């Protein structure tokens, strides 16, 4: 149960945290502006539209997703059955299904919005 960090604990003024957050946010916004200007300087014909970039990323992720674990196959090959191993395999299967479902829904949303 540590106390909330405060500049006063480090011998600084209470306003030091405000200044730190202001400098951090300024740095973040300058970085975003630099990235935006790089994208716009490439010209409209040089880069592909955002929708196509997103579609390419979706397809790439879907291709890289592994197949689900075949639980009956794993159970038949395993002599020593540990509950933790089976639970983790089931959780990974649930996660993979959710990732596939979410990516397909996002893809459908893009198709409806832009086509």
PDB file of N, CA and C in Angstrom:
ATOM      1  N   UNK A   1       0.828  -1.185   0.000  1.00  0.00           N
ATOM      2  CA  UNK A   1       0.000   0.000   0.000  1.00  0.00           C
ATOM      3  C   UNK A   1       0.881   1.261   0.000  1.00  0.00           C
ATOM      4  N   UNK A   2       1.474   1.548  -1.136  1.00  0.00           N
ATOM      5  CA  UNK A   2       2.316   2.726  -1.250  1.00  0.00           C
ATOM      6  C   UNK A   2       1.446   3.953  -1.495  1.00  0.00           C
ATOM      7  N   UNK A   3       1.878   5.105  -1.002  1.00  0.00           N
ATOM      8  CA  UNK A   3       1.094   6.325  -1.253  1.00  0.00           C
ATOM      9  C   UNK A   3       1.214   6.739  -2.717  1.00  0.00           C
ATOM     10  N   UNK A   4       0.254   7.535  -3.159  1.00  0.00           N
ATOM     11  CA  UNK A   4       0.268   8.065  -4.525  1.00  0.00           C
ATOM     12  C   UNK A   4       1.516   8.916  -4.705  1.00  0.00           C
ATOM     13  N   UNK A   5       2.206   8.734  -5.827  1.00  0.00           N
ATOM     14  CA  UNK A   5       3.415   9.510  -6.061  1.00  0.00           C
ATOM     15  C   UNK A   5       3.074  10.983  -6.194  1.00  0.00           C
ATOM     16  N   UNK A   6       3.880  11.779  -5.587  1.00  0.00           N
ATOM     17  CA  UNK A   6       3.669  13.218  -5.602  1.00  0.00           C
ATOM     18  C   UNK A   6       5.024  13.892  -5.729  1.00  0.00           C
ATOM     19  N   UNK A   7       5.102  15.023  -6.418  1.00  0.00           N
ATOM     20  CA  UNK A   7       6.376  15.737  -6.520  1.00  0.00           C
ATOM     21  C   UNK A   7       6.911  16.162  -5.154  1.00  0.00           C
ATOM     22  N   UNK A   8       6.012  16.406  -4.211  1.00  0.00           N
ATOM     23  CA  UNK A   8       6.422  16.826  -2.871  1.00  0.00           C
ATOM     24  C   UNK A   8       7.275  15.752  -2.206  1.00  0.00           C
ATOM     25  N   UNK A   9       6.973  14.467  -2.470  1.00  0.00           N
ATOM     26  CA  UNK A   9       7.763  13.379  -1.903  1.00  0.00           C
ATOM     27  C   UNK A   9       9.209  13.409  -2.375  1.00  0.00           C
ATOM     28  N   UNK A  10       9.456  14.023  -3.525  1.00  0.00           N
ATOM     29  CA  UNK A  10      10.801  14.093  -4.083  1.00  0.00           C
ATOM     30  C   UNK A  10      11.446  15.463  -3.851  1.00  0.00           C
ATOM     31  N   UNK A  11      10.802  16.275  -3.028  1.00  0.00           N
ATOM     32  CA  UNK A  11      11.349  17.592  -2.714  1.00  0.00           C
ATOM     33  C   UNK A  11      11.094  18.624  -3.791  1.00  0.00           C
ATOM     34  N   UNK A  12      10.108  18.400  -4.623  1.00  0.00           N
ATOM     35  CA  UNK A  12       9.779  19.335  -5.699  1.00  0.00           C
ATOM     36  C   UNK A  12       8.530  20.125  -5.347  1.00  0.00           C
ATOM     37  N   UNK A  13       8.291  21.186  -6.122  1.00  0.00           N
ATOM     38  CA  UNK A  13       7.069  21.961  -5.938  1.00  0.00           C
ATOM     39  C   UNK A  13       5.864  21.139  -6.375  1.00  0.00           C
ATOM     40  N   UNK A  14       4.693  21.404  -5.815  1.00  0.00           N
ATOM     41  CA  UNK A  14       3.488  20.682  -6.244  1.00  0.00           C
ATOM     42  C   UNK A  14       3.160  20.894  -7.729  1.00  0.00           C
ATOM     43  N   UNK A  15       3.561  22.027  -8.293  1.00  0.00           N
ATOM     44  CA  UNK A  15       3.274  22.307  -9.700  1.00  0.00           C
ATOM     45  C   UNK A  15       4.227  21.599 -10.655  1.00  0.00           C
ATOM     46  N   UNK A  16       5.244  20.919 -10.143  1.00  0.00           N
ATOM     47  CA  UNK A  16       6.211  20.236 -10.996  1.00  0.00           C
ATOM     48  C   UNK A  16       5.535  19.147 -11.818  1.00  0.00           C
ATOM     49  N   UNK A  17       4.554  18.476 -11.247  1.00  0.00           N
ATOM     50  CA  UNK A  17       3.841  17.421 -11.982  1.00  0.00           C
ATOM     51  C   UNK A  17       3.051  18.006 -13.140  1.00  0.00           C
ATOM     52  N   UNK A  18       2.448  19.159 -12.928  1.00  0.00           N
ATOM     53  CA  UNK A  18       1.690  19.824 -13.999  1.00  0.00           C
ATOM     54  C   UNK A  18       2.618  20.164 -15.159  1.00  0.00           C
ATOM     55  N   UNK A  19       3.786  20.711 -14.835  1.00  0.00           N
ATOM     56  CA  UNK A  19       4.751  21.069 -15.880  1.00  0.00           C
ATOM     57  C   UNK A  19       5.245  19.827 -16.617  1.00  0.00           C
ATOM     58  N   UNK A  20       5.511  18.753 -15.884  1.00  0.00           N
ATOM     59  CA  UNK A  20       5.954  17.512 -16.508  1.00  0.00           C
ATOM     60  C   UNK A  20       4.895  16.995 -17.484  1.00  0.00           C
ATOM     61  N   UNK A  21       3.626  16.976 -17.064  1.00  0.00           N
ATOM     62  CA  UNK A  21       2.552  16.500 -17.937  1.00  0.00           C
ATOM     63  C   UNK A  21       2.371  17.411 -19.147  1.00  0.00           C
ATOM     64  N   UNK A  22       2.552  18.726 -18.962  1.00  0.00           N
ATOM     65  CA  UNK A  22       2.434  19.661 -20.089  1.00  0.00           C
ATOM     66  C   UNK A  22       3.538  19.405 -21.111  1.00  0.00           C
ATOM     67  N   UNK A  23       4.760  19.222 -20.644  1.00  0.00           N
ATOM     68  CA  UNK A  23       5.888  18.965 -21.548  1.00  0.00           C
ATOM     69  C   UNK A  23       5.693  17.639 -22.269  1.00  0.00           C
ATOM     70  N   UNK A  24       5.216  16.627 -21.564  1.00  0.00           N
ATOM     71  CA  UNK A  24       4.975  15.321 -22.178  1.00  0.00           C
ATOM     72  C   UNK A  24       3.899  15.409 -23.255  1.00  0.00           C
ATOM     73  N   UNK A  25       2.811  16.115 -22.955  1.00  0.00           N
ATOM     74  CA  UNK A  25       1.735  16.232 -23.953  1.00  0.00           C
ATOM     75  C   UNK A  25       2.201  17.052 -25.156  1.00  0.00           C
ATOM     76  N   UNK A  26       2.986  18.108 -24.926  1.00  0.00           N
ATOM     77  CA  UNK A  26       3.527  18.872 -26.054  1.00  0.00           C
ATOM     78  C   UNK A  26       4.394  18.000 -26.952  1.00  0.00           C
ATOM     79  N   UNK A  27       5.222  17.185 -26.332  1.00  0.00           N
ATOM     80  CA  UNK A  27       6.084  16.283 -27.096  1.00  0.00           C
ATOM     81  C   UNK A  27       5.256  15.298 -27.916  1.00  0.00           C
ATOM     82  N   UNK A  28       4.200  14.769 -27.309  1.00  0.00           N
ATOM     83  CA  UNK A  28       3.317  13.833 -28.012  1.00  0.00           C
ATOM     84  C   UNK A  28       2.664  14.500 -29.214  1.00  0.00           C
ATOM     85  N   UNK A  29       2.139  15.702 -29.031  1.00  0.00           N
ATOM     86  CA  UNK A  29       1.476  16.386 -30.139  1.00  0.00           C
ATOM     87  C   UNK A  29       2.446  16.771 -31.243  1.00  0.00           C
ATOM     88  N   UNK A  30       3.658  17.166 -30.884  1.00  0.00           N
ATOM     89  CA  UNK A  30       4.658  17.474 -31.917  1.00  0.00           C
ATOM     90  C   UNK A  30       5.003  16.224 -32.722  1.00  0.00           C
ATOM     91  N   UNK A  31       5.109  15.101 -32.043  1.00  0.00           N
ATOM     92  CA  UNK A  31       5.402  13.843 -32.739  1.00  0.00           C
ATOM     93  C   UNK A  31       4.262  13.494 -33.689  1.00  0.00           C
ATOM     94  N   UNK A  32       3.015  13.640 -33.228  1.00  0.00           N
ATOM     95  CA  UNK A  32       1.860  13.357 -34.089  1.00  0.00           C
ATOM     96  C   UNK A  32       1.831  14.278 -35.295  1.00  0.00           C
ATOM     97  N   UNK A  33       2.133  15.543 -35.094  1.00  0.00           N
ATOM     98  CA  UNK A  33       2.158  16.479 -36.222  1.00  0.00           C
ATOM     99  C   UNK A  33       3.250  16.126 -37.222  1.00  0.00           C
ATOM    100  N   UNK A  34       4.410  15.691 -36.728  1.00  0.00           N
ATOM    101  CA  UNK A  34       5.478  15.276 -37.630  1.00  0.00           C
ATOM    102  C   UNK A  34       5.065  14.062 -38.448  1.00  0.00           C
ATOM    103  N   UNK A  35       4.412  13.105 -37.804  1.00  0.00           N
ATOM    104  CA  UNK A  35       3.960  11.918 -38.527  1.00  0.00           C
ATOM    105  C   UNK A  35       2.913  12.280 -39.563  1.00  0.00           C
ATOM    106  N   UNK A  36       1.997  13.165 -39.220  1.00  0.00           N
ATOM    107  CA  UNK A  36       0.958  13.572 -40.150  1.00  0.00           C
ATOM    108  C   UNK A  36       1.559  14.298 -41.345  1.00  0.00           C
ATOM    109  N   UNK A  37       2.519  15.157 -41.114  1.00  0.00           N
ATOM    110  CA  UNK A  37       3.118  15.889 -42.230  1.00  0.00           C
ATOM    111  C   UNK A  37       3.900  14.957 -43.143  1.00  0.00           C
ATOM    112  N   UNK A  38       4.521  13.917 -42.599  1.00  0.00           N
ATOM    113  CA  UNK A  38       5.217  12.944 -43.445  1.00  0.00           C
ATOM    114  C   UNK A  38       4.240  12.202 -44.343  1.00  0.00           C
ATOM    115  N   UNK A  39       3.095  11.810 -43.780  1.00  0.00           N
ATOM    116  CA  UNK A  39       2.095  11.105 -44.577  1.00  0.00           C
ATOM    117  C   UNK A  39       1.543  11.998 -45.677  1.00  0.00           C
ATOM    118  N   UNK A  40       1.271  13.258 -45.369  1.00  0.00           N
ATOM    119  CA  UNK A  40       0.683  14.137 -46.365  1.00  0.00           C
ATOM    120  C   UNK A  40       1.697  14.577 -47.406  1.00  0.00           C
ATOM    121  N   UNK A  41       2.999  14.579 -47.053  1.00  0.00           N
ATOM    122  CA  UNK A  41       4.015  14.996 -48.017  1.00  0.00           C
ATOM    123  C   UNK A  41       4.278  13.930 -49.073  1.00  0.00           C
ATOM    124  N   UNK A  42       3.842  12.706 -48.817  1.00  0.00           N
ATOM    125  CA  UNK A  42       4.060  11.632 -49.784  1.00  0.00           C
ATOM    126  C   UNK A  42       3.181  11.820 -51.015  1.00  0.00           C
ATOM    127  N   UNK A  43       2.184  12.672 -50.928  1.00  0.00           N
ATOM    128  CA  UNK A  43       1.289  12.879 -52.050  1.00  0.00           C
ATOM    129  C   UNK A  43       0.147  11.891 -52.011  1.00  0.00           C
ATOM    130  N   UNK A  44      -0.968  12.304 -52.579  1.00  0.00           N
ATOM    131  CA  UNK A  44      -2.147  11.448 -52.517  1.00  0.00           C
ATOM    132  C   UNK A  44      -2.015  10.210 -53.383  1.00  0.00           C
ATOM    133  N   UNK A  45      -1.312  10.322 -54.497  1.00  0.00           N
ATOM    134  CA  UNK A  45      -1.189   9.178 -55.389  1.00  0.00           C
ATOM    135  C   UNK A  45      -0.127   8.189 -54.949  1.00  0.00           C
ATOM    136  N   UNK A  46       0.776   8.625 -54.063  1.00  0.00           N
ATOM    137  CA  UNK A  46       1.901   7.778 -53.681  1.00  0.00           C
ATOM    138  C   UNK A  46       1.526   6.701 -52.671  1.00  0.00           C
ATOM    139  N   UNK A  47       0.566   7.009 -51.826  1.00  0.00           N
ATOM    140  CA  UNK A  47       0.218   6.026 -50.797  1.00  0.00           C
ATOM    141  C   UNK A  47      -1.182   5.486 -51.051  1.00  0.00           C
ATOM    142  N   UNK A  48      -1.424   4.287 -50.527  1.00  0.00           N
ATOM    143  CA  UNK A  48      -2.736   3.698 -50.700  1.00  0.00           C
ATOM    144  C   UNK A  48      -3.687   4.266 -49.646  1.00  0.00           C
ATOM    145  N   UNK A  49      -4.981   4.273 -49.942  1.00  0.00           N
ATOM    146  CA  UNK A  49      -5.954   4.821 -48.991  1.00  0.00           C
ATOM    147  C   UNK A  49      -5.933   4.058 -47.662  1.00  0.00           C
ATOM    148  N   UNK A  50      -6.413   4.726 -46.637  1.00  0.00           N
ATOM    149  CA  UNK A  50      -6.414   4.154 -45.301  1.00  0.00           C
ATOM    150  C   UNK A  50      -7.190   2.852 -45.253  1.00  0.00           C
ATOM    151  N   UNK A  51      -8.322   2.792 -45.955  1.00  0.00           N
ATOM    152  CA  UNK A  51      -9.144   1.577 -45.943  1.00  0.00           C
ATOM    153  C   UNK A  51      -8.363   0.379 -46.474  1.00  0.00           C
ATOM    154  N   UNK A  52      -7.589   0.618 -47.532  1.00  0.00           N
ATOM    155  CA  UNK A  52      -6.802  -0.468 -48.110  1.00  0.00           C
ATOM    156  C   UNK A  52      -5.678  -0.898 -47.178  1.00  0.00           C
ATOM    157  N   UNK A  53      -5.071   0.069 -46.478  1.00  0.00           N
ATOM    158  CA  UNK A  53      -4.030  -0.262 -45.509  1.00  0.00           C
ATOM    159  C   UNK A  53      -4.608  -1.133 -44.394  1.00  0.00           C
ATOM    160  N   UNK A  54      -5.768  -0.736 -43.893  1.00  0.00           N
ATOM    161  CA  UNK A  54      -6.407  -1.487 -42.815  1.00  0.00           C
ATOM    162  C   UNK A  54      -6.784  -2.880 -43.291  1.00  0.00           C
ATOM    163  N   UNK A  55      -7.327  -2.983 -44.494  1.00  0.00           N
ATOM    164  CA  UNK A  55      -7.704  -4.280 -45.060  1.00  0.00           C
ATOM    165  C   UNK A  55      -6.477  -5.176 -45.194  1.00  0.00           C
ATOM    166  N   UNK A  56      -5.358  -4.607 -45.620  1.00  0.00           N
ATOM    167  CA  UNK A  56      -4.123  -5.373 -45.748  1.00  0.00           C
ATOM    168  C   UNK A  56      -3.664  -5.890 -44.390  1.00  0.00           C
ATOM    169  N   UNK A  57      -3.760  -5.044 -43.371  1.00  0.00           N
ATOM    170  CA  UNK A  57      -3.368  -5.455 -42.023  1.00  0.00           C
ATOM    171  C   UNK A  57      -4.297  -6.549 -41.513  1.00  0.00           C
ATOM    172  N   UNK A  58      -5.624  -6.398 -41.731  1.00  0.00           N
ATOM    173  CA  UNK A  58      -6.583  -7.436 -41.331  1.00  0.00           C
ATOM    174  C   UNK A  58      -6.228  -8.777 -41.953  1.00  0.00           C
ATOM    175  N   UNK A  59      -6.019  -8.756 -43.263  1.00  0.00           N
ATOM    176  CA  UNK A  59      -5.709  -9.998 -43.972  1.00  0.00           C
ATOM    177  C   UNK A  59      -4.417 -10.625 -43.458  1.00  0.00           C
ATOM    178  N   UNK A  60      -3.427  -9.780 -43.199  1.00  0.00           N
ATOM    179  CA  UNK A  60      -2.142 -10.282 -42.700  1.00  0.00           C
ATOM    180  C   UNK A  60      -2.300 -10.937 -41.329  1.00  0.00           C
ATOM    181  N   UNK A  61      -3.054 -10.311 -40.455  1.00  0.00           N
ATOM    182  CA  UNK A  61      -3.262 -10.878 -39.117  1.00  0.00           C
ATOM    183  C   UNK A  61      -4.048 -12.178 -39.208  1.00  0.00           C
ATOM    184  N   UNK A  62      -5.090 -12.203 -40.034  1.00  0.00           N
ATOM    185  CA  UNK A  62      -5.885 -13.429 -40.178  1.00  0.00           C
ATOM    186  C   UNK A  62      -5.054 -14.589 -40.713  1.00  0.00           C
ATOM    187  N   UNK A  63      -4.140 -14.294 -41.642  1.00  0.00           N
ATOM    188  CA  UNK A  63      -3.267 -15.345 -42.182  1.00  0.00           C
ATOM    189  C   UNK A  63      -2.318 -15.889 -41.119  1.00  0.00           C
ATOM    190  N   UNK A  64      -1.873 -15.023 -40.216  1.00  0.00           N
ATOM    191  CA  UNK A  64      -0.894 -15.427 -39.207  1.00  0.00           C
ATOM    192  C   UNK A  64      -1.521 -16.123 -38.002  1.00  0.00           C
ATOM    193  N   UNK A  65      -2.828 -16.006 -37.836  1.00  0.00           N
ATOM    194  CA  UNK A  65      -3.466 -16.668 -36.697  1.00  0.00           C
ATOM    195  C   UNK A  65      -3.352 -18.181 -36.841  1.00  0.00           C
ATOM    196  N   UNK A  66      -2.897 -18.853 -35.793  1.00  0.00           N
ATOM    197  CA  UNK A  66      -2.788 -20.315 -35.877  1.00  0.00           C
ATOM    198  C   UNK A  66      -4.162 -20.971 -35.801  1.00  0.00           C
ATOM    199  N   UNK A  67      -4.210 -22.221 -36.195  1.00  0.00           N
ATOM    200  CA  UNK A  67      -5.455 -22.979 -36.081  1.00  0.00           C
ATOM    201  C   UNK A  67      -5.726 -23.271 -34.609  1.00  0.00           C
ATOM    202  N   UNK A  68      -6.979 -23.575 -34.321  1.00  0.00           N
ATOM    203  CA  UNK A  68      -7.344 -23.920 -32.950  1.00  0.00           C
ATOM    204  C   UNK A  68      -6.683 -25.232 -32.547  1.00  0.00           C
ATOM    205  N   UNK A  69      -6.479 -25.372 -31.239  1.00  0.00           N
ATOM    206  CA  UNK A  69      -5.972 -26.638 -30.717  1.00  0.00           C
ATOM    207  C   UNK A  69      -7.087 -27.673 -30.764  1.00  0.00           C
ATOM    208  N   UNK A  70      -6.771 -28.851 -31.248  1.00  0.00           N
ATOM    209  CA  UNK A  70      -7.724 -29.950 -31.274  1.00  0.00           C
ATOM    210  C   UNK A  70      -7.668 -30.630 -29.908  1.00  0.00           C
ATOM    211  N   UNK A  71      -8.640 -30.344 -29.064  1.00  0.00           N
ATOM    212  CA  UNK A  71      -8.596 -30.804 -27.675  1.00  0.00           C
ATOM    213  C   UNK A  71      -8.665 -32.325 -27.569  1.00  0.00           C
ATOM    214  N   UNK A  72      -9.474 -32.949 -28.394  1.00  0.00           N
ATOM    215  CA  UNK A  72      -9.563 -34.413 -28.314  1.00  0.00           C
ATOM    216  C   UNK A  72      -8.245 -35.062 -28.734  1.00  0.00           C
ATOM    217  N   UNK A  73      -7.573 -34.472 -29.718  1.00  0.00           N
ATOM    218  CA  UNK A  73      -6.277 -34.981 -30.143  1.00  0.00           C
ATOM    219  C   UNK A  73      -5.231 -34.807 -29.041  1.00  0.00           C
ATOM    220  N   UNK A  74      -5.243 -33.659 -28.395  1.00  0.00           N
ATOM    221  CA  UNK A  74      -4.303 -33.411 -27.300  1.00  0.00           C
ATOM    222  C   UNK A  74      -4.554 -34.367 -26.145  1.00  0.00           C
ATOM    223  N   UNK A  75      -5.819 -34.604 -25.818  1.00  0.00           N
ATOM    224  CA  UNK A  75      -6.146 -35.508 -24.710  1.00  0.00           C
ATOM    225  C   UNK A  75      -5.733 -36.946 -25.015  1.00  0.00           C
ATOM    226  N   UNK A  76      -5.886 -37.346 -26.270  1.00  0.00           N
ATOM    227  CA  UNK A  76      -5.537 -38.719 -26.622  1.00  0.00           C
ATOM    228  C   UNK A  76      -4.016 -38.941 -26.628  1.00  0.00           C
ATOM    229  N   UNK A  77      -3.239 -37.898 -26.903  1.00  0.00           N
ATOM    230  CA  UNK A  77      -1.789 -38.031 -26.966  1.00  0.00           C
ATOM    231  C   UNK A  77      -1.115 -37.851 -25.614  1.00  0.00           C
ATOM    232  N   UNK A  78      -1.835 -37.351 -24.660  1.00  0.00           N
ATOM    233  CA  UNK A  78      -1.242 -37.041 -23.367  1.00  0.00           C
ATOM    234  C   UNK A  78      -1.517 -38.144 -22.368  1.00  0.00           C
ATOM    235  N   UNK A  79      -0.450 -38.701 -21.824  1.00  0.00           N
ATOM    236  CA  UNK A  79      -0.601 -39.751 -20.814  1.00  0.00           C
ATOM    237  C   UNK A  79      -0.902 -39.122 -19.459  1.00  0.00           C
ATOM    238  N   UNK A  80      -0.144 -38.115 -19.111  1.00  0.00           N
ATOM    239  CA  UNK A  80      -0.367 -37.430 -17.840  1.00  0.00           C
ATOM    240  C   UNK A  80      -1.275 -36.234 -18.112  1.00  0.00           C
ATOM    241  N   UNK A  81      -2.478 -36.297 -17.632  1.00  0.00           N
ATOM    242  CA  UNK A  81      -3.463 -35.251 -17.907  1.00  0.00           C
ATOM    243  C   UNK A  81      -3.446 -34.203 -16.799  1.00  0.00           C
ATOM    244  N   UNK A  82      -3.050 -32.999 -17.192  1.00  0.00           N
ATOM    245  CA  UNK A  82      -3.061 -31.902 -16.233  1.00  0.00           C
ATOM    246  C   UNK A  82      -4.166 -30.938 -16.613  1.00  0.00           C
ATOM    247  N   UNK A  83      -4.950 -30.574 -15.648  1.00  0.00           N
ATOM    248  CA  UNK A  83      -6.090 -29.705 -15.871  1.00  0.00           C
ATOM    249  C   UNK A  83      -5.656 -28.323 -16.355  1.00  0.00           C
ATOM    250  N   UNK A  84      -4.544 -27.839 -15.843  1.00  0.00           N
ATOM    251  CA  UNK A  84      -4.074 -26.504 -16.212  1.00  0.00           C
ATOM    252  C   UNK A  84      -3.758 -26.428 -17.700  1.00  0.00           C
ATOM    253  N   UNK A  85      -3.121 -27.436 -18.216  1.00  0.00           N
ATOM    254  CA  UNK A  85      -2.775 -27.462 -19.640  1.00  0.00           C
ATOM    255  C   UNK A  85      -4.031 -27.418 -20.505  1.00  0.00           C
ATOM    256  N   UNK A  86      -5.021 -28.201 -20.165  1.00  0.00           N
ATOM    257  CA  UNK A  86      -6.264 -28.225 -20.940  1.00  0.00           C
ATOM    258  C   UNK A  86      -7.007 -26.897 -20.833  1.00  0.00           C
ATOM    259  N   UNK A  87      -7.004 -26.321 -19.636  1.00  0.00           N
ATOM    260  CA  UNK A  87      -7.662 -25.023 -19.465  1.00  0.00           C
ATOM    261  C   UNK A  87      -6.990 -23.948 -20.312  1.00  0.00           C
ATOM    262  N   UNK A  88      -5.675 -23.961 -20.350  1.00  0.00           N
ATOM    263  CA  UNK A  88      -4.953 -22.968 -21.146  1.00  0.00           C
ATOM    264  C   UNK A  88      -5.211 -23.160 -22.639  1.00  0.00           C
ATOM    265  N   UNK A  89      -5.259 -24.398 -23.091  1.00  0.00           N
ATOM    266  CA  UNK A  89      -5.557 -24.671 -24.500  1.00  0.00           C
ATOM    267  C   UNK A  89      -6.961 -24.187 -24.849  1.00  0.00           C
ATOM    268  N   UNK A  90      -7.910 -24.419 -23.963  1.00  0.00           N
ATOM    269  CA  UNK A  90      -9.275 -23.948 -24.201  1.00  0.00           C
ATOM    270  C   UNK A  90      -9.340 -22.425 -24.229  1.00  0.00           C
ATOM    271  N   UNK A  91      -8.601 -21.791 -23.336  1.00  0.00           N
ATOM    272  CA  UNK A  91      -8.588 -20.321 -23.315  1.00  0.00           C
ATOM    273  C   UNK A  91      -7.960 -19.752 -24.579  1.00  0.00           C
ATOM    274  N   UNK A  92      -6.909 -20.390 -25.052  1.00  0.00           N
ATOM    275  CA  UNK A  92      -6.279 -19.945 -26.305  1.00  0.00           C
ATOM    276  C   UNK A  92      -7.267 -20.104 -27.455  1.00  0.00           C
ATOM    277  N   UNK A  93      -8.003 -21.203 -27.482  1.00  0.00           N
ATOM    278  CA  UNK A  93      -9.013 -21.408 -28.526  1.00  0.00           C
ATOM    279  C   UNK A  93     -10.076 -20.311 -28.477  1.00  0.00           C
ATOM    280  N   UNK A  94     -10.514 -19.965 -27.274  1.00  0.00           N
ATOM    281  CA  UNK A  94     -11.512 -18.895 -27.123  1.00  0.00           C
ATOM    282  C   UNK A  94     -10.939 -17.574 -27.623  1.00  0.00           C
ATOM    283  N   UNK A  95      -9.690 -17.293 -27.268  1.00  0.00           N
ATOM    284  CA  UNK A  95      -9.038 -16.062 -27.704  1.00  0.00           C
ATOM    285  C   UNK A  95      -8.895 -16.009 -29.223  1.00  0.00           C
ATOM    286  N   UNK A  96      -8.473 -17.117 -29.832  1.00  0.00           N
ATOM    287  CA  UNK A  96      -8.339 -17.155 -31.294  1.00  0.00           C
ATOM    288  C   UNK A  96      -9.681 -16.950 -31.987  1.00  0.00           C
ATOM    289  N   UNK A  97     -10.730 -17.585 -31.460  1.00  0.00           N
ATOM    290  CA  UNK A  97     -12.068 -17.394 -32.030  1.00  0.00           C
ATOM    291  C   UNK A  97     -12.507 -15.940 -31.922  1.00  0.00           C
ATOM    292  N   UNK A  98     -12.263 -15.331 -30.784  1.00  0.00           N
ATOM    293  CA  UNK A  98     -12.650 -13.935 -30.591  1.00  0.00           C
ATOM    294  C   UNK A  98     -11.869 -13.009 -31.516  1.00  0.00           C
ATOM    295  N   UNK A  99     -10.589 -13.288 -31.707  1.00  0.00           N
ATOM    296  CA  UNK A  99      -9.789 -12.472 -32.620  1.00  0.00           C
ATOM    297  C   UNK A  99     -10.307 -12.588 -34.051  1.00  0.00           C
ATOM    298  N   UNK A 100     -10.596 -13.802 -34.478  1.00  0.00           N
ATOM    299  CA  UNK A 100     -11.132 -13.991 -35.837  1.00  0.00           C
ATOM    300  C   UNK A 100     -12.471 -13.283 -36.000  1.00  0.00           C
ATOM    301  N   UNK A 101     -13.345 -13.449 -35.014  1.00  0.00           N
ATOM    302  CA  UNK A 101     -14.671 -12.829 -35.076  1.00  0.00           C
ATOM    303  C   UNK A 101     -14.551 -11.310 -35.123  1.00  0.00           C
ATOM    304  N   UNK A 102     -13.710 -10.738 -34.261  1.00  0.00           N
ATOM    305  CA  UNK A 102     -13.548  -9.287 -34.214  1.00  0.00           C
ATOM    306  C   UNK A 102     -12.981  -8.742 -35.524  1.00  0.00           C
ATOM    307  N   UNK A 103     -11.981  -9.420 -36.071  1.00  0.00           N
ATOM    308  CA  UNK A 103     -11.404  -8.959 -37.329  1.00  0.00           C
ATOM    309  C   UNK A 103     -12.407  -9.030 -38.473  1.00  0.00           C
ATOM    310  N   UNK A 104     -13.219 -10.080 -38.496  1.00  0.00           N
ATOM    311  CA  UNK A 104     -14.235 -10.191 -39.551  1.00  0.00           C
ATOM    312  C   UNK A 104     -15.292  -9.112 -39.405  1.00  0.00           C
ATOM    313  N   UNK A 105     -15.683  -8.797 -38.159  1.00  0.00           N
ATOM    314  CA  UNK A 105     -16.663  -7.731 -37.944  1.00  0.00           C
ATOM    315  C   UNK A 105     -16.102  -6.374 -38.345  1.00  0.00           C
ATOM    316  N   UNK A 106     -14.849  -6.121 -38.000  1.00  0.00           N
ATOM    317  CA  UNK A 106     -14.223  -4.859 -38.404  1.00  0.00           C
ATOM    318  C   UNK A 106     -14.128  -4.752 -39.921  1.00  0.00           C
ATOM    319  N   UNK A 107     -13.823  -5.853 -40.572  1.00  0.00           N
ATOM    320  CA  UNK A 107     -13.747  -5.875 -42.029  1.00  0.00           C
ATOM    321  C   UNK A 107     -15.118  -5.591 -42.639  1.00  0.00           C
ATOM    322  N   UNK A 108     -16.156  -6.195 -42.082  1.00  0.00           N
ATOM    323  CA  UNK A 108     -17.503  -5.929 -42.565  1.00  0.00           C
ATOM    324  C   UNK A 108     -17.881  -4.467 -42.367  1.00  0.00           C
ATOM    325  N   UNK A 109     -17.481  -3.908 -41.223  1.00  0.00           N
ATOM    326  CA  UNK A 109     -17.757  -2.491 -40.961  1.00  0.00           C
ATOM    327  C   UNK A 109     -17.085  -1.581 -41.983  1.00  0.00           C
ATOM    328  N   UNK A 110     -15.880  -1.926 -42.364  1.00  0.00           N
ATOM    329  CA  UNK A 110     -15.192  -1.138 -43.390  1.00  0.00           C
ATOM    330  C   UNK A 110     -15.880  -1.256 -44.736  1.00  0.00           C
ATOM    331  N   UNK A 111     -16.308  -2.476 -45.061  1.00  0.00           N
ATOM    332  CA  UNK A 111     -16.976  -2.674 -46.348  1.00  0.00           C
ATOM    333  C   UNK A 111     -18.268  -1.880 -46.421  1.00  0.00           C
ATOM    334  N   UNK A 112     -19.039  -1.887 -45.341  1.00  0.00           N
ATOM    335  CA  UNK A 112     -20.321  -1.171 -45.321  1.00  0.00           C
ATOM    336  C   UNK A 112     -20.084   0.323 -45.396  1.00  0.00           C
ATOM    337  N   UNK A 113     -19.059   0.791 -44.690  1.00  0.00           N
ATOM    338  CA  UNK A 113     -18.812   2.232 -44.620  1.00  0.00           C
ATOM    339  C   UNK A 113     -18.237   2.802 -45.906  1.00  0.00           C
ATOM    340  N   UNK A 114     -17.335   2.063 -46.550  1.00  0.00           N
ATOM    341  CA  UNK A 114     -16.609   2.626 -47.679  1.00  0.00           C
ATOM    342  C   UNK A 114     -17.004   2.090 -49.043  1.00  0.00           C
ATOM    343  N   UNK A 115     -17.879   1.114 -49.088  1.00  0.00           N
ATOM    344  CA  UNK A 115     -18.228   0.574 -50.407  1.00  0.00           C
ATOM    345  C   UNK A 115     -19.653   0.785 -50.745  1.00  0.00           C
TER     346      UNK A 115
END
